[in-house]
C-alpha atoms as a PDB file:
ATOM      1  CA  UNK A   1      -2.463 -21.884  23.096  1.00  0.00           C
ATOM      2  CA  UNK A   2      -4.693 -19.222  24.385  1.00  0.00           C
ATOM      3  CA  UNK A   3      -6.637 -16.593  22.290  1.00  0.00           C
ATOM      4  CA  UNK A   4      -4.296 -13.679  22.855  1.00  0.00           C
ATOM      5  CA  UNK A   5      -1.176 -15.712  21.730  1.00  0.00           C
ATOM      6  CA  UNK A   6      -2.967 -16.869  18.559  1.00  0.00           C
ATOM      7  CA  UNK A   7      -4.150 -13.475  17.794  1.00  0.00           C
ATOM      8  CA  UNK A   8      -0.617 -12.193  18.251  1.00  0.00           C
ATOM      9  CA  UNK A   9       0.957 -14.988  16.158  1.00  0.00           C
ATOM     10  CA  UNK A  10      -1.482 -14.037  13.299  1.00  0.00           C
ATOM     11  CA  UNK A  11      -0.695 -10.364  13.700  1.00  0.00           C
ATOM     12  CA  UNK A  12       2.962 -11.202  13.261  1.00  0.00           C
ATOM     13  CA  UNK A  13       2.219 -13.242  10.339  1.00  0.00           C
ATOM     14  CA  UNK A  14       0.390 -10.366   8.596  1.00  0.00           C
ATOM     15  CA  UNK A  15       3.231  -8.016   9.501  1.00  0.00           C
ATOM     16  CA  UNK A  16       5.722 -10.341   7.562  1.00  0.00           C
ATOM     17  CA  UNK A  17       3.402 -10.239   4.655  1.00  0.00           C
ATOM     18  CA  UNK A  18       2.770  -6.634   4.704  1.00  0.00           C
ATOM     19  CA  UNK A  19       6.622  -5.917   4.935  1.00  0.00           C
ATOM     20  CA  UNK A  20       7.004  -7.469   1.497  1.00  0.00           C
ATOM     21  CA  UNK A  21       4.372  -5.156   0.022  1.00  0.00           C
ATOM     22  CA  UNK A  22       5.397  -2.164   1.893  1.00  0.00           C
ATOM     23  CA  UNK A  23       9.309  -2.354   0.980  1.00  0.00           C
ATOM     24  CA  UNK A  24       8.198  -2.917  -2.671  1.00  0.00           C
ATOM     25  CA  UNK A  25       6.175   0.223  -2.483  1.00  0.00           C
ATOM     26  CA  UNK A  26       8.782   2.320  -0.411  1.00  0.00           C
ATOM     27  CA  UNK A  27      10.765   5.180  -1.947  1.00  0.00           C
ATOM     28  CA  UNK A  28      13.676   6.916  -0.443  1.00  0.00           C
ATOM     29  CA  UNK A  29      13.892  10.614   0.309  1.00  0.00           C
ATOM     30  CA  UNK A  30      17.812  10.586   0.607  1.00  0.00           C
ATOM     31  CA  UNK A  31      19.393  13.477  -1.244  1.00  0.00           C
ATOM     32  CA  UNK A  32      16.320  15.799  -1.481  1.00  0.00           C
ATOM     33  CA  UNK A  33      17.350  19.083  -0.158  1.00  0.00           C
ATOM     34  CA  UNK A  34      15.000  21.656   1.056  1.00  0.00           C
ATOM     35  CA  UNK A  35      11.873  19.387   0.692  1.00  0.00           C
ATOM     36  CA  UNK A  36       9.195  19.189   3.563  1.00  0.00           C
ATOM     37  CA  UNK A  37       9.348  16.270   5.982  1.00  0.00           C
ATOM     38  CA  UNK A  38       7.431  13.306   4.574  1.00  0.00           C
ATOM     39  CA  UNK A  39       4.703  12.097   6.958  1.00  0.00           C
ATOM     40  CA  UNK A  40       3.362   8.894   7.430  1.00  0.00           C
ATOM     41  CA  UNK A  41       0.059   8.648   9.154  1.00  0.00           C
ATOM     42  CA  UNK A  42      -1.463   5.496  10.852  1.00  0.00           C
ATOM     43  CA  UNK A  43      -5.186   5.117  10.883  1.00  0.00           C
ATOM     44  CA  UNK A  44      -6.966   3.278  13.702  1.00  0.00           C
ATOM     45  CA  UNK A  45      -8.108  -0.075  12.418  1.00  0.00           C
ATOM     46  CA  UNK A  46     -10.690  -2.229  14.243  1.00  0.00           C
ATOM     47  CA  UNK A  47      -9.423  -5.824  13.683  1.00  0.00           C
ATOM     48  CA  UNK A  48     -12.369  -8.037  12.055  1.00  0.00           C
ATOM     49  CA  UNK A  49     -10.312 -10.816  10.993  1.00  0.00           C
ATOM     50  CA  UNK A  50      -6.781 -11.718  12.177  1.00  0.00           C
ATOM     51  CA  UNK A  51      -5.965 -12.807   8.636  1.00  0.00           C
ATOM     52  CA  UNK A  52      -6.568  -9.433   7.061  1.00  0.00           C
ATOM     53  CA  UNK A  53      -5.167  -7.358   9.875  1.00  0.00           C
ATOM     54  CA  UNK A  54      -2.298  -5.051   8.738  1.00  0.00           C
ATOM     55  CA  UNK A  55       0.623  -3.369  10.627  1.00  0.00           C
ATOM     56  CA  UNK A  56       3.110  -0.803  10.204  1.00  0.00           C
ATOM     57  CA  UNK A  57       6.618  -1.606   9.285  1.00  0.00           C
ATOM     58  CA  UNK A  58       9.478   1.098   9.637  1.00  0.00           C
ATOM     59  CA  UNK A  59      12.488   0.526   7.320  1.00  0.00           C
ATOM     60  CA  UNK A  60      15.415   2.470   6.008  1.00  0.00           C
ATOM     61  CA  UNK A  61      13.187   4.048   3.439  1.00  0.00           C
ATOM     62  CA  UNK A  62      11.518   5.967   6.263  1.00  0.00           C
ATOM     63  CA  UNK A  63      14.599   7.849   7.181  1.00  0.00           C
ATOM     64  CA  UNK A  64      13.536  11.373   8.040  1.00  0.00           C
ATOM     65  CA  UNK A  65      10.070  10.796   8.313  1.00  0.00           C
ATOM     66  CA  UNK A  66       7.454  11.764  10.808  1.00  0.00           C
ATOM     67  CA  UNK A  67       5.194   9.051  11.830  1.00  0.00           C
ATOM     68  CA  UNK A  68       1.791   9.790  13.511  1.00  0.00           C
ATOM     69  CA  UNK A  69       0.269   7.172  15.767  1.00  0.00           C
ATOM     70  CA  UNK A  70      -2.308   6.919  18.478  1.00  0.00           C
ATOM     71  CA  UNK A  71      -1.781   5.301  22.014  1.00  0.00           C
ATOM     72  CA  UNK A  72      -1.803   1.463  21.653  1.00  0.00           C
ATOM     73  CA  UNK A  73      -0.497   1.119  18.310  1.00  0.00           C
ATOM     74  CA  UNK A  74       2.618  -0.643  17.278  1.00  0.00           C
ATOM     75  CA  UNK A  75       5.361  -0.932  14.542  1.00  0.00           C
ATOM     76  CA  UNK A  76       7.750  -3.330  13.455  1.00  0.00           C
ATOM     77  CA  UNK A  77      11.299  -1.842  13.164  1.00  0.00           C
ATOM     78  CA  UNK A  78      13.093  -3.672  10.189  1.00  0.00           C
ATOM     79  CA  UNK A  79      16.188  -2.097   9.288  1.00  0.00           C
ATOM     80  CA  UNK A  80      18.067  -5.069   7.829  1.00  0.00           C
ATOM     81  CA  UNK A  81      20.628  -7.429   9.098  1.00  0.00           C
ATOM     82  CA  UNK A  82      23.763  -6.026   7.366  1.00  0.00           C
ATOM     83  CA  UNK A  83      24.379  -3.758  10.375  1.00  0.00           C
ATOM     84  CA  UNK A  84      24.373  -3.980  14.085  1.00  0.00           C
ATOM     85  CA  UNK A  85      21.893  -1.673  15.378  1.00  0.00           C
ATOM     86  CA  UNK A  86      22.249   0.701  18.374  1.00  0.00           C
ATOM     87  CA  UNK A  87      18.750   2.170  19.190  1.00  0.00           C
ATOM     88  CA  UNK A  88      18.036   5.319  21.067  1.00  0.00           C
ATOM     89  CA  UNK A  89      14.716   6.639  21.768  1.00  0.00           C
ATOM     90  CA  UNK A  90      14.492  10.389  23.285  1.00  0.00           C
ATOM     91  CA  UNK A  91      11.273   9.613  25.224  1.00  0.00           C
ATOM     92  CA  UNK A  92      10.614   5.991  26.333  1.00  0.00           C
ATOM     93  CA  UNK A  93       7.419   7.197  28.044  1.00  0.00           C
ATOM     94  CA  UNK A  94       5.987   7.917  24.494  1.00  0.00           C
ATOM     95  CA  UNK A  95       7.324   5.005  22.508  1.00  0.00           C
ATOM     96  CA  UNK A  96       9.051   1.871  23.786  1.00  0.00           C
ATOM     97  CA  UNK A  97      10.023  -1.735  22.673  1.00  0.00           C
ATOM     98  CA  UNK A  98       7.593  -4.262  23.426  1.00  0.00           C
ATOM     99  CA  UNK A  99       9.073  -6.622  26.082  1.00  0.00           C
ATOM    100  CA  UNK A 100       7.738  -9.755  24.214  1.00  0.00           C
ATOM    101  CA  UNK A 101       9.862 -12.681  24.064  1.00  0.00           C
ATOM    102  CA  UNK A 102       9.066 -13.818  20.598  1.00  0.00           C
ATOM    103  CA  UNK A 103      11.137 -14.552  17.612  1.00  0.00           C
ATOM    104  CA  UNK A 104      11.556 -11.853  15.125  1.00  0.00           C
ATOM    105  CA  UNK A 105      11.744 -11.968  11.238  1.00  0.00           C
ATOM    106  CA  UNK A 106      15.236 -11.749  10.041  1.00  0.00           C
ATOM    107  CA  UNK A 107      16.553  -8.149   9.753  1.00  0.00           C
ATOM    108  CA  UNK A 108      13.878  -6.939  12.274  1.00  0.00           C
ATOM    109  CA  UNK A 109      15.069  -5.119  15.340  1.00  0.00           C
ATOM    110  CA  UNK A 110      11.998  -5.246  17.557  1.00  0.00           C
ATOM    111  CA  UNK A 111       8.265  -4.132  17.781  1.00  0.00           C
ATOM    112  CA  UNK A 112       7.754  -0.885  19.418  1.00  0.00           C
ATOM    113  CA  UNK A 113       4.507   0.449  21.054  1.00  0.00           C
ATOM    114  CA  UNK A 114       2.944   3.939  21.399  1.00  0.00           C
ATOM    115  CA  UNK A 115       2.421   4.004  25.001  1.00  0.00           C
ATOM    116  CA  UNK A 116       1.544   7.697  25.779  1.00  0.00           C
ATOM    117  CA  UNK A 117       0.849  10.902  24.115  1.00  0.00           C
ATOM    118  CA  UNK A 118       4.080  13.067  23.023  1.00  0.00           C
ATOM    119  CA  UNK A 119       6.715  13.318  20.648  1.00  0.00           C
ATOM    120  CA  UNK A 120       9.905  10.957  20.534  1.00  0.00           C
ATOM    121  CA  UNK A 121      12.862  10.911  18.152  1.00  0.00           C
ATOM    122  CA  UNK A 122      13.981   7.316  17.295  1.00  0.00           C
ATOM    123  CA  UNK A 123      17.578   7.174  16.322  1.00  0.00           C
ATOM    124  CA  UNK A 124      19.608   4.153  15.191  1.00  0.00           C
ATOM    125  CA  UNK A 125      23.293   3.907  14.406  1.00  0.00           C
ATOM    126  CA  UNK A 126      24.297   0.822  12.305  1.00  0.00           C
ATOM    127  CA  UNK A 127      27.634  -0.517  12.357  1.00  0.00           C
ATOM    128  CA  UNK A 128      28.382  -2.717   9.311  1.00  0.00           C
ATOM    129  CA  UNK A 129      28.474  -6.551  10.379  1.00  0.00           C
ATOM    130  CA  UNK A 130      31.522  -6.978   8.126  1.00  0.00           C
ATOM    131  CA  UNK A 131      33.515  -4.926  10.465  1.00  0.00           C
ATOM    132  CA  UNK A 132      34.126  -7.954  12.586  1.00  0.00           C
ATOM    133  CA  UNK A 133      35.109 -10.029   9.516  1.00  0.00           C
ATOM    134  CA  UNK A 134      38.925 -10.694   8.963  1.00  0.00           C
ATOM    135  CA  UNK A 135      39.863  -8.598   7.154  1.00  0.00           C
ATOM    136  CA  UNK A 136      37.371  -6.094   8.297  1.00  0.00           C
ATOM    137  CA  UNK A 137      35.484  -4.229   5.679  1.00  0.00           C
ATOM    138  CA  UNK A 138      35.779  -0.207   5.190  1.00  0.00           C
ATOM    139  CA  UNK A 139      31.973   0.046   4.881  1.00  0.00           C
ATOM    140  CA  UNK A 140      30.767   3.275   7.026  1.00  0.00           C
ATOM    141  CA  UNK A 141      28.514   3.157   9.782  1.00  0.00           C
ATOM    142  CA  UNK A 142      25.093   4.694   9.012  1.00  0.00           C
ATOM    143  CA  UNK A 143      22.644   6.687  11.013  1.00  0.00           C
ATOM    144  CA  UNK A 144      18.673   6.470  10.837  1.00  0.00           C
ATOM    145  CA  UNK A 145      16.075   8.659  12.598  1.00  0.00           C
ATOM    146  CA  UNK A 146      12.322   9.107  12.676  1.00  0.00           C
ATOM    147  CA  UNK A 147       9.971  11.389  14.576  1.00  0.00           C
ATOM    148  CA  UNK A 148       7.138   9.638  16.186  1.00  0.00           C
ATOM    149  CA  UNK A 149       4.097  11.723  17.292  1.00  0.00           C
ATOM    150  CA  UNK A 150       1.615   9.827  19.386  1.00  0.00           C
ATOM    151  CA  UNK A 151      -1.826  11.219  20.009  1.00  0.00           C
END
């Protein structure tokens, strides 16, 4: 394997470990009326050791948040496996799915890159997987949305 691939695999390993920590610390803002939009800010990190590098994971707990990034940063979208997700990005020049042909952790929908300065709305509609069961469930579809600001 080449060095770039080893670094990428190391990054994914760290992302998987970080997801557990982030999901344990995440809190939902659902149901809060009139509160300001929460904001998540990523700082640029200069990697020194692939074993200690961290990454951002976006989950359902981030519903309605604004995420600030810089060009070149990435996040793992992990909305879970209980829904089939249809993802729409308002400006794919600002944020786009990484065209890497790699396996993702269970419940993840992809890695997304900040590719240019600007603002994009990231929307995902989830249809329950159980709708395809026999008999189908009556679980409603859900909507997820974040705003990504890239500088």
